[in-house]
């Protein structure tokens, strides 16, 4: 699901920026058999080194919006 979401958002990224929040609820992701899949897709995306992907936090996004007067 993460790979499909990234693919879709990147296909739209030339028109507008997007944010992909990945919700990791412990009831779901706390299952040991799910950890390798999550680690794998995150490693795959990091290794792709796509300049359109900004690995960040909510706080850093807020700072960027404020610093560039992007709030609407």
Protein backbone atom coordinates (compact mmCIF):
# COMPACT_ATOMS: atom_id res chain seq x y z
CA UNK A 1 0.00 0.00 0.00
CA UNK A 2 2.84 2.38 0.79
CA UNK A 3 4.53 1.68 -2.55
CA UNK A 4 1.26 2.31 -4.44
CA UNK A 5 0.63 5.53 -2.51
CA UNK A 6 4.16 6.82 -3.19
CA UNK A 7 3.84 5.98 -6.88
CA UNK A 8 0.54 7.84 -7.14
CA UNK A 9 1.71 10.89 -5.21
CA UNK A 10 4.93 11.14 -7.20
CA UNK A 11 2.93 11.02 -10.43
CA UNK A 12 1.02 14.07 -9.19
CA UNK A 13 4.00 15.88 -7.67
CA UNK A 14 4.75 18.04 -10.68
CA UNK A 15 1.35 19.73 -10.19
CA UNK A 16 1.36 20.11 -6.41
CA UNK A 17 3.21 18.92 -3.33
CA UNK A 18 1.64 16.19 -1.22
CA UNK A 19 2.17 14.64 2.17
CA UNK A 20 2.06 10.92 2.77
CA UNK A 21 1.51 10.17 6.41
CA UNK A 22 2.13 6.56 7.31
CA UNK A 23 0.00 5.55 10.30
CA UNK A 24 1.67 2.81 12.30
CA UNK A 25 -0.85 1.66 14.86
CA UNK A 26 0.79 -0.72 17.35
CA UNK A 27 -2.15 -3.15 17.20
CA UNK A 28 -1.47 -3.66 13.49
CA UNK A 29 2.24 -2.95 13.05
CA UNK A 30 3.12 -4.46 16.41
CA UNK A 31 2.81 -7.88 14.83
CA UNK A 32 6.33 -9.22 14.26
CA UNK A 33 5.55 -10.63 10.81
CA UNK A 34 4.72 -7.14 9.51
CA UNK A 35 8.02 -5.49 10.45
CA UNK A 36 10.10 -6.88 7.52
CA UNK A 37 7.63 -5.56 4.93
CA UNK A 38 7.64 -2.08 6.46
CA UNK A 39 11.43 -2.04 6.79
CA UNK A 40 11.75 -3.25 3.22
CA UNK A 41 9.61 -0.56 1.61
CA UNK A 42 11.21 2.20 3.68
CA UNK A 43 14.67 0.97 2.70
CA UNK A 44 13.60 0.71 -0.95
CA UNK A 45 12.35 4.29 -0.93
CA UNK A 46 15.47 5.60 0.83
CA UNK A 47 17.77 3.81 -1.61
CA UNK A 48 15.84 5.21 -4.59
CA UNK A 49 17.12 8.62 -3.43
CA UNK A 50 14.34 10.37 -5.32
CA UNK A 51 14.78 14.15 -5.02
CA UNK A 52 10.99 14.56 -4.97
CA UNK A 53 10.78 12.77 -1.62
CA UNK A 54 11.46 14.83 1.49
CA UNK A 55 11.96 12.65 4.55
CA UNK A 56 10.76 14.90 7.32
CA UNK A 57 8.56 15.39 10.36
CA UNK A 58 5.33 17.26 10.95
CA UNK A 59 7.26 19.90 12.88
CA UNK A 60 9.72 20.46 10.03
CA UNK A 61 6.84 20.83 7.58
CA UNK A 62 5.21 23.43 9.83
CA UNK A 63 8.51 25.33 10.08
CA UNK A 64 8.90 25.25 6.29
CA UNK A 65 5.36 26.56 5.76
CA UNK A 66 5.91 29.37 8.24
CA UNK A 67 9.38 30.28 6.92
CA UNK A 68 8.08 30.54 3.34
CA UNK A 69 4.75 32.20 4.19
CA UNK A 70 2.81 29.31 2.63
CA UNK A 71 -0.07 29.17 5.10
CA UNK A 72 -3.44 29.77 3.52
